[in-house]
């Protein structure tokens, strides 16, 4: 018996002929695997499986804190597991782009936790560990790292519910915001400017209003003649404290602040520029008793999002190569994982990612819906997760996603890096460079500084386990050839010294493992030329040079190895990799 998984069911919905081919292809594979007589074969079509945590949700569950918020005649759409959600706010009379997009997504998205025909899932589900047992925590951390290295989203169930006591009330809003005014994305303004603005981050300033905590709460509950004057809005703020559950700190491997509070460079070196010290020897870190006045690349990554019901976050990748952790202590999020076409090799895969970003640029003719129809995977295009209180989501770098807020919600989260996802961080940086940053909703240009500190911290470890080769080579390229990925002018002082020291360590590791240069070197950059007409809108000359220079970029084994595959080769870290770097003063 050949069981069709949810991805094959989705193919059926999109293209009848392709579905027929998939049915018989699946059947043939099972015949071959089980050595069944084809005459005895029966084909049964099965609907997508459901995550057990969905089973207690009524189809109209998403109305708990939205009573009276939507007009009485506001339409709903239904997801494949039976859940119904209000459509995104109808932003103008003549433009229903958001509604068209989410309706298309609902028709073609399947449960991300469903078992695929190859025996895997797009999203793995784990249980929150007993934090009093170190071995239990380590086991979950190990599994999360492994799944993310393969490009999979991980959902942790039964995390501490509402552990910060957040609610949709003034006390919680002021805890997150204080009395500061923050930018708010307004659905009505977004629609009015939809045809005039780039869908990327650069023009979002034209669709922002500024509000305090008092104002956003009053707007959420204000009704005027059956229409909410501020329906469909989202407040995205930098959280001053980490609100996510403690497990996050075990998953993230880029929090090196404790190390660099203790170990610092001499003051006279702190004003150096990367361009002037690139060829200098390793600069020692001096142990100090004063842990104040230290430089950190880890600020402004934590965030809180207060969203009103009906808000749709458009297609994007997060934060310049960082992974994402998110919890939803109040309300609900529908998290839609979007899969671009893979192509026959990594070069084609990269081009599909780039086309998906630039397709919504205002110099192109594609609408957001047409981008989804043209650029998504033919096999596994869309998958969704329902995020509710008590669930944590860990998303590796480079995952395209759309988020629907079906009811008033508060989300808290943070961004992070891990060693085994460096190949995915590199992929995301390349796409951001080739699209001039239009594919992300946030900018964290300190990412290679953070990576450099992760490299330096390897030198302080007493035990050096083997690391996966492909992610390590990606990390090496980003450090060694920083100027190809980002504008290096902002790297000065401590950040510049960290990059130079990381380069020394990376070279020592590569030499120790006898890795030939051809396995990690970048191809020569393409020349950008001088025609201003070739630039994207709002693109500077320097950004143009970076973007064109990366069009020749390819990782190792480019013709066969897809990005989400970290490979199986490993690399060892020599015990003396940081010799002379850390100096203790008597």
Protein backbone atom coordinates (compact mmCIF):
# COMPACT_ATOMS: atom_id res chain seq x y z
CA UNK A 1 0.00 0.00 0.00
CA UNK A 2 1.45 3.41 -0.98
CA UNK A 3 0.56 6.18 1.45
CA UNK A 4 0.59 9.72 0.11
CA UNK A 5 2.06 12.28 2.50
CA UNK A 6 0.88 15.84 2.87
CA UNK A 7 3.35 17.21 0.34
CA UNK A 8 1.94 14.91 -2.34
CA UNK A 9 -1.58 15.93 -1.41
CA UNK A 10 -0.50 19.55 -1.87
CA UNK A 11 0.89 18.75 -5.29
CA UNK A 12 -2.53 17.36 -6.20
CA UNK A 13 -4.14 20.62 -5.24
CA UNK A 14 -1.75 22.61 -7.41
CA UNK A 15 -1.45 20.58 -10.54
CA UNK A 16 -3.58 17.56 -11.38
CA UNK A 17 -1.17 16.06 -13.91
CA UNK A 18 1.79 16.47 -11.59
CA UNK A 19 -0.24 14.82 -8.81
CA UNK A 20 -1.02 11.80 -10.98
CA UNK A 21 2.67 11.41 -11.72
CA UNK A 22 3.42 11.70 -8.01
CA UNK A 23 0.86 9.03 -7.13
CA UNK A 24 2.30 6.46 -9.48
CA UNK A 25 5.85 7.50 -8.69
CA UNK A 26 5.22 6.90 -4.99
CA UNK A 27 3.56 3.59 -5.74
CA UNK A 28 6.47 2.44 -7.87
CA UNK A 29 8.98 3.35 -5.15
CA UNK A 30 7.05 1.32 -2.59
CA UNK A 31 6.79 -1.64 -4.97
CA UNK A 32 10.54 -1.56 -5.49
CA UNK A 33 11.30 -1.17 -1.78
CA UNK A 34 8.99 -3.91 -0.56
CA UNK A 35 9.31 -6.18 -3.61
CA UNK A 36 5.52 -6.35 -3.95
CA UNK A 37 3.81 -7.88 -6.95
CA UNK A 38 2.48 -4.80 -8.83
CA UNK A 39 -0.77 -6.65 -9.52
CA UNK A 40 -1.44 -6.66 -5.78
CA UNK A 41 -0.85 -2.91 -5.36
CA UNK A 42 -3.56 -0.71 -3.89
CA UNK A 43 -3.20 3.08 -3.68
CA UNK A 44 -4.83 4.93 -0.82
CA UNK A 45 -4.85 8.73 -0.68
CA UNK A 46 -4.51 10.00 2.87
CA UNK A 47 -5.20 13.52 4.15
CA UNK A 48 -2.43 15.31 6.09
CA UNK A 49 -1.77 14.15 9.61
CA UNK A 50 -2.35 16.54 12.50
CA UNK A 51 -0.17 17.57 15.41
CA UNK A 52 -1.83 16.29 18.57
CA UNK A 53 -1.77 19.75 20.15
CA UNK A 54 -4.23 20.92 17.46
CA UNK A 55 -6.90 18.44 18.40
CA UNK A 56 -8.47 20.55 21.14
CA UNK A 57 -8.92 23.58 18.88
CA UNK A 58 -12.45 24.32 17.72
CA UNK A 59 -12.75 25.60 14.16
CA UNK A 60 -13.69 29.06 15.43
CA UNK A 61 -11.20 29.07 18.29
CA UNK A 62 -9.50 32.27 17.15
CA UNK A 63 -12.12 34.65 18.52
CA UNK A 64 -11.23 34.54 22.20
CA UNK A 65 -9.90 38.09 22.46
CA UNK A 66 -11.35 39.58 19.26
CA UNK A 67 -15.03 39.87 20.17
CA UNK A 68 -16.42 42.86 18.28
CA UNK A 69 -13.08 43.59 16.62
CA UNK A 70 -13.99 42.37 13.13
CA UNK A 71 -17.10 43.56 11.27
CA UNK A 72 -19.99 41.09 11.38
CA UNK A 73 -19.63 40.27 7.69
CA UNK A 74 -15.84 39.81 7.75
CA UNK A 75 -14.86 36.65 5.85
CA UNK A 76 -12.96 33.61 7.09
CA UNK A 77 -10.73 31.06 5.44
CA UNK A 78 -10.17 27.44 6.38
CA UNK A 79 -6.86 25.62 6.80
CA UNK A 80 -6.33 21.99 5.87
CA UNK A 81 -6.73 20.75 9.43
CA UNK A 82 -10.14 22.41 9.70
CA UNK A 83 -9.18 25.56 11.58
CA UNK A 84 -10.90 28.73 10.47
CA UNK A 85 -9.34 32.18 10.73
CA UNK A 86 -10.54 35.62 9.83
CA UNK A 87 -9.07 36.87 6.59
CA UNK A 88 -6.43 39.60 6.82
CA UNK A 89 -8.02 42.99 7.15
CA UNK A 90 -9.51 44.16 3.84
CA UNK A 91 -7.21 47.12 3.56
CA UNK A 92 -8.86 49.03 0.71
CA UNK A 93 -11.91 48.63 -1.47
CA UNK A 94 -9.88 47.93 -4.61
CA UNK A 95 -6.87 46.03 -3.32
CA UNK A 96 -7.21 42.69 -1.50
CA UNK A 97 -3.64 41.50 -1.98
CA UNK A 98 -3.25 40.18 1.57
CA UNK A 99 -6.53 38.29 1.40
CA UNK A 100 -5.60 36.72 -1.96
CA UNK A 101 -2.22 35.64 -0.60
CA UNK A 102 -3.56 34.03 2.57
CA UNK A 103 -6.40 32.28 0.73
CA UNK A 104 -3.87 30.78 -1.69
CA UNK A 105 -1.66 29.78 1.24
CA UNK A 106 -4.60 28.10 3.00
CA UNK A 107 -5.38 26.03 -0.11
CA UNK A 108 -1.82 24.81 -0.60
CA UNK A 109 -0.26 24.68 2.89
CA UNK A 110 -0.13 21.41 4.82
CA UNK A 111 0.66 20.54 8.41
CA UNK A 112 4.42 21.05 8.84
CA UNK A 113 4.58 18.17 11.32
CA UNK A 114 3.11 15.67 8.82
CA UNK A 115 5.26 12.71 7.83
CA UNK A 116 6.57 13.06 4.27
CA UNK A 117 7.02 10.23 1.82
CA UNK A 118 10.75 10.11 2.58
CA UNK A 119 10.02 9.51 6.27
CA UNK A 120 10.95 13.03 7.41
CA UNK A 121 9.07 16.16 8.49
CA UNK A 122 9.58 19.84 7.70
CA UNK A 123 9.11 20.63 11.38
CA UNK A 124 10.23 18.36 14.18
CA UNK A 125 8.30 18.33 17.47
CA UNK A 126 10.09 17.83 20.80
CA UNK A 127 9.04 18.18 24.43
CA UNK A 128 10.50 20.78 26.80
CA UNK A 129 13.10 19.00 28.93
CA UNK A 130 13.29 18.70 32.68
CA UNK A 131 15.65 21.62 33.29
CA UNK A 132 16.78 20.11 36.60
CA UNK A 133 18.40 17.25 34.68
CA UNK A 134 21.46 18.30 32.71
CA UNK A 135 21.46 15.19 30.53
CA UNK A 136 17.82 15.81 29.50
CA UNK A 137 18.59 19.40 28.52
CA UNK A 138 21.70 18.36 26.61
CA UNK A 139 19.77 15.70 24.70
CA UNK A 140 17.13 18.20 23.54
CA UNK A 141 19.82 20.75 22.63
CA UNK A 142 21.64 18.13 20.59
CA UNK A 143 18.46 17.23 18.70
CA UNK A 144 17.57 20.86 18.02
CA UNK A 145 21.05 21.57 16.64
CA UNK A 146 20.92 18.49 14.41
CA UNK A 147 17.47 19.27 13.01
CA UNK A 148 18.34 22.91 12.35
CA UNK A 149 21.57 21.96 10.55
CA UNK A 150 19.33 20.13 8.07
CA UNK A 151 17.23 23.24 7.56
CA UNK A 152 14.31 22.05 9.68
CA UNK A 153 12.13 24.09 11.98
CA UNK A 154 11.80 22.69 15.53
CA UNK A 155 8.79 23.12 17.81
CA UNK A 156 9.24 22.58 21.55
CA UNK A 157 6.01 21.71 23.33
CA UNK A 158 5.09 22.25 26.98
CA UNK A 159 7.48 25.14 27.55
CA UNK A 160 6.79 27.31 30.63
CA UNK A 161 3.46 28.99 29.82
CA UNK A 162 3.31 32.74 30.09
CA UNK A 163 6.40 32.69 32.28
CA UNK A 164 6.66 36.47 32.21
CA UNK A 165 3.01 37.01 33.11
CA UNK A 166 2.28 38.93 29.92
CA UNK A 167 -1.30 39.86 29.03
CA UNK A 168 -3.08 42.17 26.65
CA UNK A 169 -3.12 44.92 29.27
CA UNK A 170 -1.40 48.17 30.01
CA UNK A 171 0.95 46.68 32.61
CA UNK A 172 2.38 44.16 30.13
CA UNK A 173 2.64 46.72 27.34
CA UNK A 174 4.54 49.10 29.57
CA UNK A 175 6.79 46.23 30.68
CA UNK A 176 7.71 45.72 27.04
CA UNK A 177 7.65 49.33 25.84
CA UNK A 178 7.90 51.77 28.72
CA UNK A 179 6.44 55.10 27.62
CA UNK A 180 8.50 55.23 24.44
CA UNK A 181 6.87 55.72 21.04
CA UNK A 182 7.62 52.91 18.61
CA UNK A 183 7.02 52.41 14.91
CA UNK A 184 3.84 50.50 14.10
CA UNK A 185 2.99 48.93 10.75
CA UNK A 186 -0.52 50.01 9.85
CA UNK A 187 -2.57 47.86 7.47
CA UNK A 188 -4.47 50.75 5.90
CA UNK A 189 -1.34 52.79 5.23
CA UNK A 190 0.41 49.69 3.86
CA UNK A 191 -2.36 49.09 1.33
CA UNK A 192 -2.48 52.68 0.20
CA UNK A 193 1.24 52.61 -0.52
CA UNK A 194 1.38 49.03 -1.81
CA UNK A 195 1.87 49.92 -5.45
CA UNK A 196 4.28 52.75 -4.73
CA UNK A 197 6.73 51.14 -2.33
CA UNK A 198 9.30 48.42 -2.47
CA UNK A 199 8.01 45.45 -0.47
CA UNK A 200 11.39 45.23 1.24
CA UNK A 201 12.48 46.92 4.45
CA UNK A 202 13.77 50.13 2.87
CA UNK A 203 10.41 51.79 2.33
CA UNK A 204 8.61 50.60 5.42
CA UNK A 205 9.20 54.03 6.94
CA UNK A 206 6.43 55.29 4.63
CA UNK A 207 3.87 52.91 6.16
CA UNK A 208 4.70 53.46 9.83
CA UNK A 209 2.87 55.41 12.50
CA UNK A 210 4.32 56.02 15.96
CA UNK A 211 2.47 54.97 19.12
CA UNK A 212 2.89 54.55 22.86
CA UNK A 213 1.66 51.61 24.92
CA UNK A 214 -1.50 53.55 25.86
CA UNK A 215 -2.27 54.32 22.23
CA UNK A 216 -1.82 50.80 20.85
CA UNK A 217 -4.08 49.27 23.50
CA UNK A 218 -6.78 51.87 23.01
CA UNK A 219 -6.64 51.42 19.22
CA UNK A 220 -7.02 47.66 19.57
CA UNK A 221 -10.31 48.08 21.39
CA UNK A 222 -11.66 51.13 19.59
CA UNK A 223 -14.64 50.59 17.30
CA UNK A 224 -16.27 53.23 15.13
CA UNK A 225 -19.46 52.46 13.19
CA UNK A 226 -18.60 48.76 12.96
CA UNK A 227 -15.14 49.42 11.49
CA UNK A 228 -11.95 49.38 13.52
CA UNK A 229 -9.89 52.43 12.52
CA UNK A 230 -6.66 50.64 13.27
CA UNK A 231 -7.35 47.10 12.14
CA UNK A 232 -4.33 45.13 11.02
CA UNK A 233 -1.28 46.56 12.78
CA UNK A 234 1.90 45.21 14.30
CA UNK A 235 4.28 46.73 16.85
CA UNK A 236 7.82 45.32 16.61
CA UNK A 237 10.13 46.52 19.39
CA UNK A 238 13.57 45.64 20.70
CA UNK A 239 13.09 43.92 24.05
CA UNK A 240 15.39 45.14 26.79
CA UNK A 241 15.35 41.77 28.57
CA UNK A 242 15.24 38.22 27.30
CA UNK A 243 11.65 37.12 27.64
CA UNK A 244 12.03 33.71 25.99
CA UNK A 245 12.32 30.54 28.07
CA UNK A 246 15.68 29.58 29.52
CA UNK A 247 16.20 26.73 27.04
CA UNK A 248 17.09 29.37 24.42
CA UNK A 249 20.39 30.11 26.17
CA UNK A 250 21.38 26.46 25.79
CA UNK A 251 20.56 26.43 22.07
CA UNK A 252 22.25 29.70 21.08
CA UNK A 253 26.04 29.43 20.64
CA UNK A 254 26.84 33.07 19.87
CA UNK A 255 26.37 34.50 23.37
CA UNK A 256 30.04 35.10 24.11
CA UNK A 257 29.52 38.12 26.37
CA UNK A 258 30.74 36.42 29.55
CA UNK A 259 34.04 35.59 27.85
CA UNK A 260 34.61 39.09 26.52
CA UNK A 261 33.63 40.78 29.77
CA UNK A 262 36.69 39.17 31.29
CA UNK A 263 39.11 39.24 28.36
CA UNK A 264 39.75 42.53 26.52
CA UNK A 265 42.22 44.19 24.21
CA UNK A 266 44.46 47.01 25.35
CA UNK A 267 42.78 50.40 25.10
CA UNK A 268 45.20 51.85 22.58
CA UNK A 269 44.21 49.20 20.03
CA UNK A 270 40.49 49.85 20.11
CA UNK A 271 40.39 52.53 17.38
CA UNK A 272 42.03 50.44 14.67
CA UNK A 273 40.28 49.96 11.32
CA UNK A 274 40.04 46.57 9.65
CA UNK A 275 41.61 47.92 6.46
CA UNK A 276 44.76 48.94 8.35
CA UNK A 277 45.28 45.85 10.54
CA UNK A 278 44.23 43.03 8.21
CA UNK A 279 47.81 41.69 7.93
CA UNK A 280 48.86 42.13 11.56
CA UNK A 281 49.74 39.22 13.89
CA UNK A 282 47.29 37.89 16.46
CA UNK A 283 46.46 40.48 19.12
CA UNK A 284 46.33 39.03 22.66
CA UNK A 285 43.30 39.33 24.92
CA UNK A 286 44.28 40.45 28.41
CA UNK A 287 42.47 39.09 31.48
CA UNK A 288 40.91 41.89 33.52
CA UNK A 289 39.02 42.04 36.78
CA UNK A 290 36.80 44.90 35.59
CA UNK A 291 33.89 43.49 33.57
CA UNK A 292 32.46 46.90 32.65
CA UNK A 293 32.91 48.80 29.39
CA UNK A 294 33.10 45.80 27.13
CA UNK A 295 32.01 45.76 23.48
CA UNK A 296 29.30 43.30 22.43
CA UNK A 297 27.69 42.40 19.08
CA UNK A 298 24.73 40.81 20.85
CA UNK A 299 22.57 43.85 21.53
CA UNK A 300 19.16 44.55 19.98
CA UNK A 301 18.44 40.97 18.88
CA UNK A 302 15.74 40.23 21.41
CA UNK A 303 12.33 41.46 20.38
CA UNK A 304 8.66 41.62 21.31
CA UNK A 305 5.82 41.87 18.79
CA UNK A 306 2.37 43.11 19.72
CA UNK A 307 0.00 42.37 16.86
CA UNK A 308 -3.67 43.04 16.32
CA UNK A 309 -5.89 40.36 14.84
CA UNK A 310 -5.89 40.19 11.07
CA UNK A 311 -2.32 41.34 10.53
CA UNK A 312 -0.34 39.50 7.84
CA UNK A 313 3.46 39.60 7.85
CA UNK A 314 4.63 39.32 4.26
CA UNK A 315 7.10 36.80 2.85
CA UNK A 316 10.60 37.32 4.28
CA UNK A 317 13.72 35.80 5.86
CA UNK A 318 14.87 36.84 9.31
CA UNK A 319 17.76 38.96 10.35
CA UNK A 320 20.80 38.65 8.06
CA UNK A 321 21.70 35.01 8.65
CA UNK A 322 20.52 34.59 12.23
CA UNK A 323 18.26 31.81 13.41
CA UNK A 324 15.03 32.76 15.18
CA UNK A 325 13.44 31.68 18.44
CA UNK A 326 9.86 32.75 19.12
CA UNK A 327 7.24 32.10 21.79
CA UNK A 328 3.66 33.31 21.85
CA UNK A 329 2.68 33.83 25.51
CA UNK A 330 -0.52 35.65 24.50
CA UNK A 331 -2.77 34.70 21.60
CA UNK A 332 -1.93 32.69 18.48
CA UNK A 333 0.24 32.83 15.35
CA UNK A 334 -0.14 30.87 12.12
CA UNK A 335 3.47 30.36 10.99
CA UNK A 336 3.75 29.42 7.32
CA UNK A 337 7.03 27.87 6.09
CA UNK A 338 7.66 28.73 2.44
CA UNK A 339 9.84 26.44 0.32
CA UNK A 340 11.52 27.93 -2.81
CA UNK A 341 12.30 25.73 -5.77
CA UNK A 342 15.49 23.77 -5.36
CA UNK A 343 16.57 23.44 -8.98
CA UNK A 344 18.99 20.85 -10.24
CA UNK A 345 21.91 22.21 -8.22
CA UNK A 346 22.85 24.92 -5.75
CA UNK A 347 23.29 27.57 -8.45
CA UNK A 348 19.69 27.19 -9.59
CA UNK A 349 18.52 26.99 -5.99
CA UNK A 350 20.21 30.30 -5.21
CA UNK A 351 18.66 31.95 -8.28
CA UNK A 352 15.16 30.87 -7.25
CA UNK A 353 15.72 32.46 -3.84
CA UNK A 354 16.91 35.67 -5.44
CA UNK A 355 14.02 35.75 -7.90
CA UNK A 356 11.57 35.28 -5.05
CA UNK A 357 12.87 38.47 -3.40
CA UNK A 358 13.24 40.64 -6.46
CA UNK A 359 9.93 39.50 -7.86
CA UNK A 360 8.17 41.82 -5.42
CA UNK A 361 10.47 44.75 -6.16
CA UNK A 362 8.57 47.65 -7.66
CA UNK A 363 10.68 47.50 -10.81
CA UNK A 364 9.26 44.03 -11.50
CA UNK A 365 5.80 43.02 -12.62
CA UNK A 366 5.13 40.19 -10.14
CA UNK A 367 2.57 40.62 -7.39
CA UNK A 368 3.15 38.88 -4.02
CA UNK A 369 0.73 36.14 -5.09
CA UNK A 370 2.48 35.66 -8.45
CA UNK A 371 5.80 35.30 -6.64
CA UNK A 372 4.40 32.40 -4.63
CA UNK A 373 2.94 30.80 -7.74
CA UNK A 374 6.13 31.11 -9.80
CA UNK A 375 8.97 30.55 -7.34
CA UNK A 376 7.83 27.90 -4.87
CA UNK A 377 8.84 24.26 -4.72
CA UNK A 378 6.77 22.01 -6.93
CA UNK A 379 6.80 19.24 -4.32
CA UNK A 380 6.60 20.87 -0.89
CA UNK A 381 5.62 24.51 -1.39
CA UNK A 382 4.02 25.57 1.91
CA UNK A 383 3.58 24.18 5.42
CA UNK A 384 2.04 25.75 8.51
CA UNK A 385 2.30 25.59 12.28
CA UNK A 386 -0.07 26.91 14.92
CA UNK A 387 1.93 28.62 17.69
CA UNK A 388 0.11 29.00 21.00
CA UNK A 389 1.16 29.55 24.62
CA UNK A 390 3.42 26.73 25.78
CA UNK A 391 5.22 26.29 22.45
CA UNK A 392 8.68 27.46 21.37
CA UNK A 393 9.72 27.65 17.74
CA UNK A 394 13.37 27.40 16.66
CA UNK A 395 13.84 28.38 13.03
CA UNK A 396 17.22 27.94 11.29
CA UNK A 397 18.65 30.73 9.14
CA UNK A 398 17.27 31.26 5.67
CA UNK A 399 13.73 29.93 6.18
CA UNK A 400 11.22 31.95 4.18
CA UNK A 401 7.98 32.44 6.05
CA UNK A 402 4.67 34.27 6.22
CA UNK A 403 2.94 34.92 9.53
CA UNK A 404 -0.79 35.47 10.11
CA UNK A 405 -1.99 36.88 13.43
CA UNK A 406 -5.52 35.47 13.78
CA UNK A 407 -6.17 37.07 17.16
CA UNK A 408 -4.58 39.82 19.26
CA UNK A 409 -1.21 38.41 20.27
CA UNK A 410 2.08 39.10 21.97
CA UNK A 411 5.15 37.25 20.71
CA UNK A 412 8.61 37.35 22.28
CA UNK A 413 11.77 36.06 20.74
CA UNK A 414 15.45 36.34 20.03
CA UNK A 415 17.90 35.71 17.21
CA UNK A 416 20.92 33.41 17.47
CA UNK A 417 23.74 31.58 15.69
CA UNK A 418 24.98 27.98 15.97
CA UNK A 419 28.11 26.31 14.59
CA UNK A 420 26.26 23.61 12.64
CA UNK A 421 24.03 26.11 10.76
CA UNK A 422 26.83 28.31 9.42
CA UNK A 423 26.18 27.04 5.87
CA UNK A 424 22.62 28.35 6.19
CA UNK A 425 23.81 31.66 7.62
CA UNK A 426 26.13 32.03 4.63
CA UNK A 427 23.30 31.21 2.24
CA UNK A 428 21.12 33.90 3.78
CA UNK A 429 23.88 36.52 3.68
CA UNK A 430 24.50 35.79 0.01
CA UNK A 431 20.81 36.21 -0.81
CA UNK A 432 20.66 39.42 1.21
CA UNK A 433 23.70 40.77 -0.62
CA UNK A 434 22.37 39.79 -4.04
CA UNK A 435 19.01 41.44 -3.32
CA UNK A 436 20.34 44.52 -1.51
CA UNK A 437 18.68 43.46 1.72
CA UNK A 438 15.13 43.45 0.39
CA UNK A 439 14.48 39.89 1.57
CA UNK A 440 14.72 40.58 5.30
CA UNK A 441 12.58 42.51 7.75
CA UNK A 442 15.51 43.32 10.03
CA UNK A 443 19.17 44.25 9.75
CA UNK A 444 21.92 42.91 12.03
CA UNK A 445 25.12 43.84 10.22
CA UNK A 446 27.21 42.76 13.22
CA UNK A 447 26.64 39.11 12.28
CA UNK A 448 30.22 38.44 11.11
CA UNK A 449 31.53 40.10 14.26
CA UNK A 450 29.44 37.62 16.24
CA UNK A 451 30.77 34.77 14.08
CA UNK A 452 34.35 35.96 14.68
CA UNK A 453 33.78 35.79 18.43
CA UNK A 454 32.36 32.29 18.07
CA UNK A 455 35.63 31.32 16.35
CA UNK A 456 37.71 32.95 19.10
CA UNK A 457 35.69 31.19 21.80
CA UNK A 458 36.74 27.84 20.31
CA UNK A 459 40.23 28.63 21.55
CA UNK A 460 38.99 28.78 25.15
CA UNK A 461 37.26 25.41 25.08
CA UNK A 462 39.05 22.64 26.96
CA UNK A 463 37.43 19.94 24.83
CA UNK A 464 37.24 20.29 21.06
CA UNK A 465 34.70 17.93 19.50
CA UNK A 466 34.80 17.42 15.76
CA UNK A 467 32.71 19.86 13.76
CA UNK A 468 30.87 19.36 10.47
CA UNK A 469 33.15 20.41 7.63
CA UNK A 470 30.63 22.18 5.40
CA UNK A 471 29.33 24.58 8.10
CA UNK A 472 32.91 25.22 9.26
CA UNK A 473 34.04 26.12 5.73
CA UNK A 474 31.08 28.50 5.45
CA UNK A 475 32.14 30.10 8.73
CA UNK A 476 35.72 30.32 7.47
CA UNK A 477 34.67 32.06 4.24
CA UNK A 478 32.57 34.66 6.03
CA UNK A 479 35.50 35.52 8.31
CA UNK A 480 38.28 35.35 5.71
CA UNK A 481 36.35 37.17 2.98
CA UNK A 482 34.16 39.45 5.09
CA UNK A 483 34.41 42.23 2.49
CA UNK A 484 32.55 40.09 -0.06
CA UNK A 485 29.49 39.66 2.18
CA UNK A 486 29.04 43.04 3.87
CA UNK A 487 30.38 46.58 3.77
CA UNK A 488 33.52 46.42 5.97
CA UNK A 489 33.70 50.13 6.81
CA UNK A 490 31.70 49.65 10.01
CA UNK A 491 34.22 47.12 11.34
CA UNK A 492 36.66 49.11 13.47
CA UNK A 493 38.17 48.92 16.92
CA UNK A 494 37.31 45.77 18.88
CA UNK A 495 35.25 44.32 16.02
CA UNK A 496 38.14 44.67 13.57
CA UNK A 497 40.62 43.04 15.97
CA UNK A 498 38.19 40.18 16.60
CA UNK A 499 37.92 39.54 12.84
CA UNK A 500 41.71 39.49 12.40
CA UNK A 501 42.17 37.11 15.35
CA UNK A 502 39.41 34.86 14.04
CA UNK A 503 41.16 34.74 10.67
CA UNK A 504 44.33 33.48 12.31
CA UNK A 505 42.43 30.76 14.16
CA UNK A 506 40.51 29.68 11.05
CA UNK A 507 43.72 29.42 9.01
CA UNK A 508 45.33 27.32 11.75
CA UNK A 509 42.36 24.91 11.78
CA UNK A 510 42.35 24.62 7.98
CA UNK A 511 46.09 23.95 7.93
CA UNK A 512 45.81 21.37 10.72
CA UNK A 513 43.19 19.46 8.70
CA UNK A 514 45.07 19.94 5.41
CA UNK A 515 42.05 21.50 3.70
CA UNK A 516 43.08 22.79 0.24
CA UNK A 517 42.27 26.42 -0.52
CA UNK A 518 40.04 25.48 -3.45
CA UNK A 519 37.54 24.00 -0.97
CA UNK A 520 36.88 27.29 0.80
CA UNK A 521 38.07 30.08 -1.53
CA UNK A 522 35.51 32.32 -3.22
CA UNK A 523 35.55 32.80 -7.00
CA UNK A 524 36.73 36.14 -8.29
CA UNK A 525 34.08 38.81 -7.91
CA UNK A 526 32.26 40.02 -11.00
CA UNK A 527 32.84 43.66 -11.90
CA UNK A 528 29.82 45.80 -11.21
CA UNK A 529 30.29 48.41 -13.92
CA UNK A 530 29.19 52.01 -13.53
CA UNK A 531 25.71 52.20 -15.11
CA UNK A 532 23.37 53.68 -12.52
CA UNK A 533 20.43 52.26 -14.45
CA UNK A 534 21.56 48.76 -13.43
CA UNK A 535 21.10 49.48 -9.72
CA UNK A 536 18.07 48.57 -7.68
CA UNK A 537 16.02 51.40 -6.31
CA UNK A 538 17.61 52.97 -3.19
CA UNK A 539 20.84 51.04 -3.88
CA UNK A 540 24.09 52.92 -3.33
CA UNK A 541 27.17 52.46 -5.48
CA UNK A 542 28.89 50.44 -2.73
CA UNK A 543 25.86 48.18 -2.29
CA UNK A 544 25.71 47.70 -6.05
CA UNK A 545 29.34 46.53 -6.13
CA UNK A 546 28.67 44.05 -3.31
CA UNK A 547 25.56 42.66 -4.99
CA UNK A 548 27.10 42.13 -8.42
CA UNK A 549 30.29 40.77 -6.90
CA UNK A 550 28.35 37.92 -5.29
CA UNK A 551 26.64 36.72 -8.47
CA UNK A 552 29.51 34.27 -8.98
CA UNK A 553 29.26 32.89 -5.43
CA UNK A 554 28.88 29.15 -4.98
CA UNK A 555 29.62 26.88 -2.01
CA UNK A 556 31.62 23.69 -2.12
CA UNK A 557 30.22 20.82 -4.22
CA UNK A 558 27.92 23.34 -5.87
CA UNK A 559 26.63 21.03 -8.58
CA UNK A 560 25.41 18.32 -6.23
CA UNK A 561 25.15 19.45 -2.60
CA UNK A 562 22.03 21.41 -1.67
CA UNK A 563 22.20 24.11 0.96
CA UNK A 564 20.14 22.34 3.59
CA UNK A 565 22.51 19.36 3.51
CA UNK A 566 25.41 19.91 5.96
CA UNK A 567 27.21 16.81 4.67
CA UNK A 568 28.88 14.22 6.85
CA UNK A 569 32.56 15.20 6.62
CA UNK A 570 34.04 16.56 9.84
CA UNK A 571 36.96 18.75 10.83
CA UNK A 572 38.98 18.70 14.07
CA UNK A 573 40.07 21.67 16.16
CA UNK A 574 43.71 21.44 17.36
CA UNK A 575 44.28 21.87 21.09
CA UNK A 576 46.80 24.68 20.55
CA UNK A 577 44.53 26.69 18.22
CA UNK A 578 44.46 29.68 20.59
CA UNK A 579 48.04 29.53 21.82
CA UNK A 580 49.21 33.00 22.85
CA UNK A 581 45.78 34.59 22.43
CA UNK A 582 44.65 34.69 26.07
CA UNK A 583 47.15 36.32 28.44
CA UNK A 584 46.77 36.31 32.23
CA UNK A 585 48.58 39.17 33.97
CA UNK A 586 50.28 38.44 37.28
